[in-house]
Amino acid sequence: MNDKRLYNDLIQAARSMPEDDRVPYSFAKRIMATLPRQVKTDPMAFWARGLWRASVPCLTLMVAMGTWSLVQGQNTSTIDPLAADLELTMLQPFDELTVEELW
């Protein structure tokens, strides 16, 4: 059934009913006035709101970890063995090449 036809049938059925004194004055107008005010929910709005709320704890965590790494970096005077091993592993293929192989 078509939505417009259903709407027209319901309006026609409502108009054919006799008026009843028990219904408050302009009750139907108040109900009909609230129908257009119903807001459609936007799923992207919920997603965006959640991301904005999550940004504050993420920024706080980032500042705390950055501060902690700076404090730890000042206390340590030697090179971290893990960092030295990583550097050795990444640069070892280039150390074995000679100048002739590069050209």
C-alpha atoms as a PDB file:
ATOM      1  CA  MET A   1       0.000   0.000   0.000  1.00  0.00           C
ATOM      2  CA  ASN A   2       1.273   3.427  -0.848  1.00  0.00           C
ATOM      3  CA  ASP A   3       2.264   5.643   2.099  1.00  0.00           C
ATOM      4  CA  LYS A   4       0.364   8.632   0.760  1.00  0.00           C
ATOM      5  CA  ARG A   5      -2.769   6.549   0.251  1.00  0.00           C
ATOM      6  CA  LEU A   6      -2.482   5.119   3.773  1.00  0.00           C
ATOM      7  CA  TYR A   7      -2.063   8.630   5.152  1.00  0.00           C
ATOM      8  CA  ASN A   8      -5.138   9.867   3.259  1.00  0.00           C
ATOM      9  CA  ASP A   9      -7.199   6.860   4.419  1.00  0.00           C
ATOM     10  CA  LEU A  10      -6.230   7.473   8.047  1.00  0.00           C
ATOM     11  CA  ILE A  11      -7.025  11.186   7.822  1.00  0.00           C
ATOM     12  CA  GLN A  12     -10.378  10.435   6.195  1.00  0.00           C
ATOM     13  CA  ALA A  13     -11.209   7.865   8.905  1.00  0.00           C
ATOM     14  CA  ALA A  14     -10.259  10.334  11.630  1.00  0.00           C
ATOM     15  CA  ARG A  15     -12.407  13.071  10.105  1.00  0.00           C
ATOM     16  CA  SER A  16     -15.403  10.778   9.827  1.00  0.00           C
ATOM     17  CA  MET A  17     -15.371  10.125  13.596  1.00  0.00           C
ATOM     18  CA  PRO A  18     -17.748  12.315  15.607  1.00  0.00           C
ATOM     19  CA  GLU A  19     -16.200  14.848  17.969  1.00  0.00           C
ATOM     20  CA  ASP A  20     -15.920  13.829  21.587  1.00  0.00           C
ATOM     21  CA  ASP A  21     -16.077  16.314  24.463  1.00  0.00           C
ATOM     22  CA  ARG A  22     -13.642  14.263  26.528  1.00  0.00           C
ATOM     23  CA  VAL A  23     -10.693  15.235  24.291  1.00  0.00           C
ATOM     24  CA  PRO A  24      -8.937  18.436  25.413  1.00  0.00           C
ATOM     25  CA  TYR A  25      -9.153  21.503  23.240  1.00  0.00           C
ATOM     26  CA  SER A  26      -6.637  21.483  20.333  1.00  0.00           C
ATOM     27  CA  PHE A  27      -5.160  18.157  21.432  1.00  0.00           C
ATOM     28  CA  ALA A  28      -4.786  17.023  17.820  1.00  0.00           C
ATOM     29  CA  LYS A  29      -3.006  20.258  16.894  1.00  0.00           C
ATOM     30  CA  ARG A  30      -0.477  19.752  19.698  1.00  0.00           C
ATOM     31  CA  ILE A  31       0.203  16.191  18.585  1.00  0.00           C
ATOM     32  CA  MET A  32       0.535  17.179  14.937  1.00  0.00           C
ATOM     33  CA  ALA A  33       2.859  20.049  15.896  1.00  0.00           C
ATOM     34  CA  THR A  34       5.302  17.636  17.547  1.00  0.00           C
ATOM     35  CA  LEU A  35       5.601  15.374  14.495  1.00  0.00           C
ATOM     36  CA  PRO A  36       7.832  17.639  12.338  1.00  0.00           C
ATOM     37  CA  ARG A  37      10.116  18.332  15.318  1.00  0.00           C
ATOM     38  CA  GLN A  38      11.316  14.755  15.479  1.00  0.00           C
ATOM     39  CA  VAL A  39      14.987  14.801  14.556  1.00  0.00           C
ATOM     40  CA  LYS A  40      16.469  12.027  12.477  1.00  0.00           C
ATOM     41  CA  THR A  41      19.536  10.534  14.092  1.00  0.00           C
ATOM     42  CA  ASP A  42      22.766  10.726  12.145  1.00  0.00           C
ATOM     43  CA  PRO A  43      25.065   7.735  12.763  1.00  0.00           C
ATOM     44  CA  MET A  44      28.104   9.785  11.750  1.00  0.00           C
ATOM     45  CA  ALA A  45      27.298  12.288  14.508  1.00  0.00           C
ATOM     46  CA  PHE A  46      27.622   9.549  17.132  1.00  0.00           C
ATOM     47  CA  TRP A  47      30.946   8.465  15.622  1.00  0.00           C
ATOM     48  CA  ALA A  48      32.289  12.035  15.509  1.00  0.00           C
ATOM     49  CA  ARG A  49      31.165  12.733  19.071  1.00  0.00           C
ATOM     50  CA  GLY A  50      32.948   9.595  20.299  1.00  0.00           C
ATOM     51  CA  LEU A  51      36.145  10.536  18.503  1.00  0.00           C
ATOM     52  CA  TRP A  52      36.129  14.042  19.971  1.00  0.00           C
ATOM     53  CA  ARG A  53      35.585  12.632  23.460  1.00  0.00           C
ATOM     54  CA  ALA A  54      38.451  10.172  22.968  1.00  0.00           C
ATOM     55  CA  SER A  55      40.847  12.910  21.859  1.00  0.00           C
ATOM     56  CA  VAL A  56      41.280  14.356  25.360  1.00  0.00           C
ATOM     57  CA  PRO A  57      42.542  11.116  26.981  1.00  0.00           C
ATOM     58  CA  CYS A  58      44.734  10.415  23.950  1.00  0.00           C
ATOM     59  CA  LEU A  59      46.346  13.850  24.122  1.00  0.00           C
ATOM     60  CA  THR A  60      46.848  13.463  27.875  1.00  0.00           C
ATOM     61  CA  LEU A  61      48.502  10.094  27.373  1.00  0.00           C
ATOM     62  CA  MET A  62      50.694  11.486  24.593  1.00  0.00           C
ATOM     63  CA  VAL A  63      51.919  14.389  26.745  1.00  0.00           C
ATOM     64  CA  ALA A  64      52.563  12.070  29.711  1.00  0.00           C
ATOM     65  CA  MET A  65      54.529   9.577  27.604  1.00  0.00           C
ATOM     66  CA  GLY A  66      56.508  12.358  25.912  1.00  0.00           C
ATOM     67  CA  THR A  67      57.412  13.872  29.258  1.00  0.00           C
ATOM     68  CA  TRP A  68      58.363  10.471  30.641  1.00  0.00           C
ATOM     69  CA  SER A  69      60.600   9.711  27.655  1.00  0.00           C
ATOM     70  CA  LEU A  70      62.335  13.091  27.966  1.00  0.00           C
ATOM     71  CA  VAL A  71      62.976  12.541  31.673  1.00  0.00           C
ATOM     72  CA  GLN A  72      64.263   9.014  31.032  1.00  0.00           C
ATOM     73  CA  GLY A  73      66.462  10.259  28.175  1.00  0.00           C
ATOM     74  CA  GLN A  74      68.164  12.828  30.401  1.00  0.00           C
ATOM     75  CA  ASN A  75      68.869  10.265  33.121  1.00  0.00           C
ATOM     76  CA  THR A  76      70.540   7.788  30.759  1.00  0.00           C
ATOM     77  CA  SER A  77      74.021   8.664  29.542  1.00  0.00           C
ATOM     78  CA  THR A  78      74.705   5.411  27.646  1.00  0.00           C
ATOM     79  CA  ILE A  79      73.172   4.227  24.385  1.00  0.00           C
ATOM     80  CA  ASP A  80      70.354   1.761  24.716  1.00  0.00           C
ATOM     81  CA  PRO A  81      71.600  -1.693  23.662  1.00  0.00           C
ATOM     82  CA  LEU A  82      68.380  -2.379  21.767  1.00  0.00           C
ATOM     83  CA  ALA A  83      68.778   0.836  19.756  1.00  0.00           C
ATOM     84  CA  ALA A  84      72.418  -0.033  19.008  1.00  0.00           C
ATOM     85  CA  ASP A  85      71.435  -3.520  17.825  1.00  0.00           C
ATOM     86  CA  LEU A  86      68.712  -2.063  15.615  1.00  0.00           C
ATOM     87  CA  GLU A  87      71.122   0.420  14.066  1.00  0.00           C
ATOM     88  CA  LEU A  88      73.704  -2.319  13.447  1.00  0.00           C
ATOM     89  CA  THR A  89      71.092  -4.585  11.850  1.00  0.00           C
ATOM     90  CA  MET A  90      69.726  -1.865   9.568  1.00  0.00           C
ATOM     91  CA  LEU A  91      73.105  -0.497   8.415  1.00  0.00           C
ATOM     92  CA  GLN A  92      75.064  -3.755   8.111  1.00  0.00           C
ATOM     93  CA  PRO A  93      74.256  -4.362   4.416  1.00  0.00           C
ATOM     94  CA  PHE A  94      75.640  -0.933   3.543  1.00  0.00           C
ATOM     95  CA  ASP A  95      78.863  -1.494   5.502  1.00  0.00           C
ATOM     96  CA  GLU A  96      79.731  -4.541   3.384  1.00  0.00           C
ATOM     97  CA  LEU A  97      79.429  -2.685   0.080  1.00  0.00           C
ATOM     98  CA  THR A  98      82.538  -1.156  -1.431  1.00  0.00           C
ATOM     99  CA  VAL A  99      82.709   2.095  -3.276  1.00  0.00           C
ATOM    100  CA  GLU A 100      82.929   0.296  -6.651  1.00  0.00           C
ATOM    101  CA  GLU A 101      79.726  -1.632  -5.973  1.00  0.00           C
ATOM    102  CA  LEU A 102      77.832   1.561  -5.238  1.00  0.00           C
ATOM    103  CA  TRP A 103      78.810   3.140  -8.575  1.00  0.00           C
END
